[in-house]
Amino acid sequence: MRYLIDISPYQSQLIQKYLEKGNYASLSQFVNAAIENQLMLEENEMNELIPHRTAVKNKSAFQQIIQTEHESFDKYCLKNIADYNAVIAAPVFKDLVYASQKIQENEAWIWGQINKIFPVKVGVRILHQLLATKQSMELNEFLEIAANEAGAIGNKIREHEKANNKMRDEKISAALPSLDEKSLNRYKFQFMVYLRKDGLMDGAMSLMRFCNIYEEKKKKMIGITEAGLKFSLINNSVLDNNDFSMSLNEEESLFYINHIKENVKGEYEAIKWMLAKINSGNNTRELLNTEIEKTYKDVWDATEAVINTQRAGITARVFELGLIEKEKDGIYVKYGVSERGKKLLLK
């Protein structure tokens, strides 16, 4: 079916910019991706799921300085707290959005728009900090505070990156929100957690089993899982040391890999599958899209746009984990398996 639409010159310029960067193979792929993303939001009734702004009685130190323009970055660091152990049980597969998709657990890749793990680490550390000695807190209160704190962190990191002329691939602020409402809501529902109308959970923190939601006296409560607590407690270069050279260190990466191997089977299978394909010579975006289509098109009932989004997401995550390397030739990218990735393939 064909549709004729009008777009502004400004929108046209932006689309052309991303096509020239090689983010999309064609205008058709760009448009399909945009349509798929919007349909996902509509199907999940995201607009109705956005929590009402809540009055927070006990603001964290972060929340109190969020509007201050000239604070030094160290005030925005989420310092680690080790004297906390009030964890709750992790969600199981049937509690998650995958249950509505009728696919097997080992075929359930994390949605490709969740293209970084560091923003999830930030959310988990914020939850850890806000809970202090409590086992849980109200979900909407957490989302409201945490998104704003993540926005403050994102803005401060972007200031550092701009001052140091960081290139795109060097930036660790990607996927962290700014402090506008649209960006904050995207962060809440992609990288943190929300409860859909059908009672299933979505968002990276729940899909990665770092948090869980339950109901208490008709209130939706959120708590941190054992895996979430352990992930939070690992020192992070950015949050703990003001070191902007990497988003995740080797200890965090290895913890994540070992955790998903035991608890997030679809993510682990996605990583192993991707590494194997790259190692066998399918080392470009186009070749990887073709391989995903062969294996998963029917399993996921996936369109070209979904396949492209899933490929982009998993390659971004394995790159952040240090499992693959990139070689650029103009707008084209070739992938290679790193030494760390080769060790994982041998397991």
Protein backbone atom coordinates (compact mmCIF):
# COMPACT_ATOMS: atom_id res chain seq x y z
CA MET A 1 0.00 0.00 0.00
CA ARG A 2 1.29 3.47 -0.85
CA TYR A 3 0.85 6.66 1.20
CA LEU A 4 1.70 10.23 0.20
CA ILE A 5 2.84 12.44 3.09
CA ASP A 6 4.24 15.95 3.45
CA ILE A 7 7.33 16.60 5.57
CA SER A 8 9.07 19.87 6.35
CA PRO A 9 12.41 20.86 4.77
CA TYR A 10 13.98 20.59 8.21
CA GLN A 11 12.76 17.01 8.64
CA SER A 12 14.01 16.18 5.16
CA GLN A 13 17.48 17.52 6.01
CA LEU A 14 17.64 15.45 9.21
CA ILE A 15 16.53 12.28 7.42
CA GLN A 16 19.17 12.85 4.74
CA LYS A 17 21.82 13.36 7.44
CA TYR A 18 21.11 9.96 8.99
CA LEU A 19 20.98 8.28 5.60
CA GLU A 20 24.40 9.71 4.74
CA LYS A 21 25.77 8.51 8.08
CA GLY A 22 24.79 5.00 7.05
CA ASN A 23 22.36 4.48 9.92
CA TYR A 24 19.78 3.28 7.38
CA ALA A 25 20.26 1.58 4.04
CA SER A 26 17.46 3.52 2.35
CA LEU A 27 14.69 6.05 2.88
CA SER A 28 12.23 3.16 2.86
CA GLN A 29 14.06 1.48 5.76
CA PHE A 30 14.04 4.76 7.73
CA VAL A 31 10.29 5.23 7.23
CA ASN A 32 9.54 1.59 8.08
CA ALA A 33 11.56 1.87 11.30
CA ALA A 34 9.70 5.05 12.28
CA ILE A 35 6.34 3.38 11.64
CA GLU A 36 7.28 0.22 13.57
CA ASN A 37 8.48 2.25 16.55
CA GLN A 38 5.30 4.33 16.68
CA LEU A 39 3.09 1.24 16.33
CA MET A 40 4.95 -0.36 19.23
CA LEU A 41 4.22 2.68 21.37
CA GLU A 42 0.55 2.70 20.38
CA GLU A 43 0.11 -1.04 20.89
CA ASN A 44 1.61 -0.78 24.35
CA GLU A 45 -0.59 2.25 25.09
CA MET A 46 2.46 4.18 26.24
CA ASN A 47 0.70 7.51 26.47
CA GLU A 48 -1.70 6.14 29.07
CA LEU A 49 1.13 4.44 30.94
CA ILE A 50 3.06 7.64 31.63
CA PRO A 51 2.75 8.09 35.39
CA HIS A 52 1.28 11.27 36.80
CA ARG A 53 3.86 13.50 38.40
CA THR A 54 3.99 12.75 42.10
CA ALA A 55 4.83 14.96 45.03
CA VAL A 56 8.00 13.51 46.49
CA LYS A 57 8.30 14.00 50.21
CA ASN A 58 11.86 12.77 50.69
CA LYS A 59 13.95 14.02 47.80
CA SER A 60 17.38 12.49 47.35
CA ALA A 61 20.47 14.68 47.26
CA PHE A 62 20.40 14.34 43.51
CA GLN A 63 16.82 15.58 43.19
CA GLN A 64 17.51 18.61 45.36
CA ILE A 65 20.23 19.95 43.03
CA ILE A 66 18.74 18.96 39.71
CA GLN A 67 17.82 22.52 38.74
CA THR A 68 21.17 23.98 39.76
CA GLU A 69 23.07 24.99 36.64
CA HIS A 70 26.68 25.23 37.77
CA GLU A 71 27.25 22.26 40.06
CA SER A 72 30.47 20.30 39.63
CA PHE A 73 30.06 16.79 38.23
CA ASP A 74 31.12 15.06 41.44
CA LYS A 75 27.86 16.19 43.06
CA TYR A 76 26.05 14.23 40.38
CA CYS A 77 27.91 10.99 41.04
CA LEU A 78 25.79 8.20 42.46
CA LYS A 79 28.10 6.99 45.15
CA ASN A 80 27.97 3.30 45.92
CA ILE A 81 26.29 2.15 49.13
CA ALA A 82 27.29 -1.29 50.36
CA ASP A 83 25.18 -1.70 53.52
CA TYR A 84 21.96 -2.77 51.80
CA ASN A 85 20.56 -6.27 51.36
CA ALA A 86 16.74 -5.97 51.21
CA VAL A 87 16.29 -7.66 47.83
CA ILE A 88 13.15 -9.15 46.26
CA ALA A 89 12.64 -12.09 43.92
CA ALA A 90 13.41 -11.56 40.23
CA PRO A 91 10.59 -11.61 37.65
CA VAL A 92 10.11 -14.80 35.66
CA PHE A 93 9.67 -15.03 31.90
CA LYS A 94 5.89 -15.30 31.99
CA ASP A 95 5.69 -11.97 33.89
CA LEU A 96 7.42 -10.09 31.07
CA VAL A 97 6.24 -8.59 27.79
CA TYR A 98 7.50 -11.64 25.90
CA ALA A 99 4.56 -13.63 27.26
CA SER A 100 2.24 -11.70 24.92
CA GLN A 101 4.47 -12.45 21.91
CA LYS A 102 4.21 -16.25 22.13
CA ILE A 103 7.90 -16.93 21.59
CA GLN A 104 10.32 -19.18 23.46
CA GLU A 105 12.55 -17.73 26.15
CA ASN A 106 15.78 -18.42 24.27
CA GLU A 107 14.37 -16.64 21.18
CA ALA A 108 13.37 -13.47 23.04
CA TRP A 109 15.93 -10.82 22.20
CA ILE A 110 15.79 -7.60 24.19
CA TRP A 111 14.14 -4.91 22.05
CA GLY A 112 16.73 -3.21 19.84
CA GLN A 113 15.96 0.32 21.01
CA ILE A 114 17.54 -0.73 24.32
CA ASN A 115 20.93 -0.19 22.71
CA LYS A 116 23.07 0.51 25.78
CA ILE A 117 23.59 -1.12 29.17
CA PHE A 118 25.11 1.88 30.99
CA PRO A 119 21.74 3.72 31.20
CA VAL A 120 20.36 0.57 32.86
CA LYS A 121 23.28 0.58 35.32
CA VAL A 122 22.41 4.20 36.15
CA GLY A 123 18.77 3.26 36.79
CA VAL A 124 19.74 0.30 38.97
CA ARG A 125 22.16 2.41 41.03
CA ILE A 126 19.51 5.10 41.51
CA LEU A 127 17.00 2.49 42.72
CA HIS A 128 19.63 1.07 45.06
CA GLN A 129 20.33 4.52 46.45
CA LEU A 130 16.69 5.54 46.84
CA LEU A 131 15.73 2.36 48.66
CA ALA A 132 18.49 2.83 51.25
CA THR A 133 17.22 0.45 53.97
CA LYS A 134 13.74 -0.14 52.49
CA GLN A 135 12.76 -3.20 50.48
CA SER A 136 10.56 -1.28 48.04
CA MET A 137 9.09 2.10 47.09
CA GLU A 138 6.19 3.30 44.93
CA LEU A 139 6.89 2.71 41.26
CA ASN A 140 5.74 6.13 40.03
CA GLU A 141 7.81 7.91 42.67
CA PHE A 142 10.88 5.96 41.60
CA LEU A 143 10.32 6.67 37.90
CA GLU A 144 9.85 10.38 38.50
CA ILE A 145 12.97 10.84 40.61
CA ALA A 146 15.17 8.41 38.72
CA ALA A 147 14.45 9.79 35.25
CA ASN A 148 15.31 13.31 36.38
CA GLU A 149 18.48 12.16 38.09
CA ALA A 150 19.51 10.23 34.97
CA GLY A 151 18.79 13.37 32.95
CA ALA A 152 21.08 15.40 35.18
CA ILE A 153 23.82 12.80 34.78
CA GLY A 154 23.32 12.74 31.02
CA ASN A 155 23.56 16.51 30.73
CA LYS A 156 26.73 16.67 32.79
CA ILE A 157 28.37 13.90 30.77
CA ARG A 158 27.38 15.64 27.53
CA GLU A 159 28.99 18.86 28.79
CA HIS A 160 32.22 16.93 29.40
CA GLU A 161 32.05 15.26 25.98
CA LYS A 162 31.45 18.57 24.21
CA ALA A 163 34.33 20.25 26.04
CA ASN A 164 36.64 17.39 25.06
CA ASN A 165 35.41 17.08 21.44
CA LYS A 166 34.41 13.46 21.85
CA MET A 167 33.58 11.61 18.63
CA ARG A 168 30.26 9.80 18.29
CA ASP A 169 31.66 6.33 19.07
CA GLU A 170 33.49 7.71 22.10
CA LYS A 171 30.39 9.18 23.71
CA ILE A 172 28.95 7.41 26.74
CA SER A 173 25.99 9.77 27.15
CA ALA A 174 24.05 8.02 24.37
CA ALA A 175 20.62 6.84 25.54
CA LEU A 176 20.76 8.85 28.78
CA PRO A 177 17.92 11.38 28.76
CA SER A 178 18.00 15.13 28.72
CA LEU A 179 15.60 16.94 31.03
CA ASP A 180 12.76 17.44 28.53
CA GLU A 181 9.59 15.41 29.04
CA LYS A 182 9.77 13.39 25.83
CA SER A 183 13.33 12.28 26.53
CA LEU A 184 12.56 11.47 30.17
CA ASN A 185 9.55 9.34 29.21
CA ARG A 186 11.57 7.45 26.60
CA TYR A 187 14.16 6.65 29.26
CA LYS A 188 11.53 5.53 31.77
CA PHE A 189 9.84 3.07 29.44
CA GLN A 190 12.82 1.77 27.50
CA PHE A 191 15.63 1.66 30.04
CA MET A 192 13.79 1.44 33.35
CA VAL A 193 10.49 -0.37 33.84
CA TYR A 194 6.74 -0.07 33.45
CA LEU A 195 3.71 -2.24 34.00
CA ARG A 196 1.44 -2.65 31.00
CA LYS A 197 -2.35 -2.78 31.19
CA ASP A 198 -2.22 -6.55 30.70
CA GLY A 199 -0.07 -6.85 33.84
CA LEU A 200 3.15 -7.70 32.00
CA MET A 201 6.39 -5.85 32.66
CA ASP A 202 8.54 -4.12 30.05
CA GLY A 203 11.64 -1.94 30.15
CA ALA A 204 15.29 -2.97 30.40
CA MET A 205 15.58 -3.12 34.19
CA SER A 206 12.85 -5.75 34.37
CA LEU A 207 13.82 -7.61 31.17
CA MET A 208 17.36 -7.92 32.53
CA ARG A 209 15.91 -9.10 35.88
CA PHE A 210 17.45 -6.26 37.90
CA CYS A 211 14.14 -5.17 39.47
CA ASN A 212 10.62 -6.42 40.06
CA ILE A 213 7.19 -4.89 40.61
CA TYR A 214 4.42 -6.06 42.90
CA GLU A 215 1.19 -4.64 44.28
CA GLU A 216 0.71 -3.69 47.92
CA LYS A 217 -2.46 -2.04 49.22
CA LYS A 218 -3.42 -1.17 45.63
CA LYS A 219 -0.09 0.56 45.08
CA LYS A 220 2.51 -0.59 42.55
CA MET A 221 5.82 -1.09 44.33
CA ILE A 222 9.33 -1.61 42.92
CA GLY A 223 12.26 -3.38 44.55
CA ILE A 224 15.76 -4.42 43.55
CA THR A 225 16.67 -8.06 42.88
CA GLU A 226 19.80 -9.82 44.08
CA ALA A 227 21.33 -9.51 40.60
CA GLY A 228 20.40 -5.82 40.50
CA LEU A 229 22.05 -5.23 43.86
CA LYS A 230 25.23 -7.02 42.80
CA PHE A 231 25.36 -5.07 39.53
CA SER A 232 24.88 -1.79 41.39
CA LEU A 233 27.63 -2.59 43.88
CA ILE A 234 30.29 -3.07 41.21
CA ASN A 235 32.37 0.09 40.93
CA ASN A 236 31.63 2.11 37.78
CA SER A 237 34.25 4.35 36.22
CA VAL A 238 31.81 7.17 35.43
CA LEU A 239 29.58 7.11 38.50
CA ASP A 240 32.27 6.43 41.09
CA ASN A 241 35.53 7.79 39.66
CA ASN A 242 34.57 10.61 37.25
CA ASP A 243 36.42 8.62 34.56
CA PHE A 244 34.70 9.12 31.20
CA SER A 245 36.88 6.76 29.18
CA MET A 246 34.39 3.87 29.28
CA SER A 247 30.77 3.29 30.26
CA LEU A 248 31.27 -0.23 31.65
CA ASN A 249 34.49 -1.72 32.95
CA GLU A 250 35.59 -5.32 32.51
CA GLU A 251 34.19 -6.44 35.88
CA GLU A 252 30.75 -5.03 35.02
CA SER A 253 30.82 -6.60 31.56
CA LEU A 254 31.78 -10.03 32.88
CA PHE A 255 29.12 -9.83 35.59
CA TYR A 256 26.49 -8.93 33.01
CA ILE A 257 27.47 -11.81 30.72
CA ASN A 258 27.49 -14.37 33.54
CA HIS A 259 24.19 -13.03 34.87
CA ILE A 260 22.34 -13.23 31.56
CA LYS A 261 23.75 -16.69 30.87
CA GLU A 262 21.91 -17.94 33.94
CA ASN A 263 18.88 -15.64 34.05
CA VAL A 264 18.21 -13.89 30.71
CA LYS A 265 18.51 -16.71 28.20
CA GLY A 266 17.27 -14.78 25.16
CA GLU A 267 19.88 -12.04 25.63
CA TYR A 268 22.66 -14.58 26.09
CA GLU A 269 21.60 -16.52 22.99
CA ALA A 270 21.43 -13.25 21.02
CA ILE A 271 25.00 -12.36 22.00
CA LYS A 272 26.39 -15.83 21.22
CA TRP A 273 24.47 -15.93 17.91
CA MET A 274 25.74 -12.49 16.88
CA LEU A 275 29.36 -13.28 17.77
CA ALA A 276 29.21 -16.55 15.83
CA LYS A 277 27.79 -14.84 12.74
CA ILE A 278 30.41 -12.07 12.81
CA ASN A 279 33.18 -14.61 13.39
CA SER A 280 32.02 -16.60 10.34
CA GLY A 281 32.34 -13.56 8.05
CA ASN A 282 28.89 -11.95 8.30
CA ASN A 283 30.52 -8.76 9.46
CA THR A 284 28.47 -5.90 8.00
CA ARG A 285 25.05 -4.48 8.81
CA GLU A 286 23.56 -5.81 5.60
CA LEU A 287 24.95 -9.35 6.03
CA LEU A 288 23.81 -9.49 9.66
CA ASN A 289 20.32 -8.28 8.71
CA THR A 290 20.15 -11.07 6.14
CA GLU A 291 21.18 -13.68 8.70
CA ILE A 292 18.66 -12.41 11.25
CA GLU A 293 15.93 -12.55 8.61
CA LYS A 294 16.81 -16.16 7.77
CA THR A 295 16.69 -17.27 11.41
CA TYR A 296 14.14 -15.03 13.11
CA LYS A 297 11.79 -13.46 10.56
CA ASP A 298 9.13 -16.16 10.99
CA VAL A 299 9.82 -16.66 14.71
CA TRP A 300 9.21 -12.98 15.46
CA ASP A 301 6.82 -12.32 12.56
CA ALA A 302 9.26 -9.48 11.92
CA THR A 303 9.32 -6.74 9.29
CA GLU A 304 12.49 -5.36 7.72
CA ALA A 305 12.40 -2.44 10.17
CA VAL A 306 12.18 -4.73 13.21
CA ILE A 307 15.08 -6.83 11.93
CA ASN A 308 17.18 -3.70 11.41
CA THR A 309 16.31 -2.38 14.88
CA GLN A 310 17.15 -5.71 16.53
CA ARG A 311 20.48 -5.92 14.71
CA ALA A 312 21.38 -2.36 15.66
CA GLY A 313 20.51 -2.95 19.31
CA ILE A 314 22.41 -6.18 19.84
CA THR A 315 25.53 -4.98 18.01
CA ALA A 316 25.54 -1.80 20.14
CA ARG A 317 25.23 -3.83 23.35
CA VAL A 318 27.98 -6.33 22.46
CA PHE A 319 30.24 -3.43 21.43
CA GLU A 320 29.68 -1.78 24.82
CA LEU A 321 30.53 -5.09 26.50
CA GLY A 322 33.84 -5.18 24.63
CA LEU A 323 32.93 -8.34 22.69
CA ILE A 324 33.26 -6.87 19.20
CA GLU A 325 35.36 -4.23 17.47
CA LYS A 326 34.47 -1.86 14.64
CA GLU A 327 36.40 -0.91 11.54
CA LYS A 328 35.07 2.10 9.64
CA ASP A 329 35.47 2.81 5.94
CA GLY A 330 33.62 6.06 5.31
CA ILE A 331 29.98 5.44 6.21
CA TYR A 332 30.46 1.66 6.14
CA VAL A 333 31.26 -0.42 9.21
CA LYS A 334 32.80 -3.87 9.48
CA TYR A 335 32.65 -5.81 12.74
CA GLY A 336 35.19 -8.19 14.22
CA VAL A 337 35.10 -10.37 17.33
CA SER A 338 37.42 -9.12 20.08
CA GLU A 339 39.65 -11.34 22.20
CA ARG A 340 37.07 -11.16 24.99
CA GLY A 341 34.37 -12.14 22.52
CA LYS A 342 36.41 -15.09 21.23
CA LYS A 343 36.74 -16.40 24.77
CA LEU A 344 32.97 -16.25 25.15
CA LEU A 345 32.50 -18.15 21.89
CA LEU A 346 34.66 -20.99 23.21
CA LYS A 347 32.50 -21.50 26.30
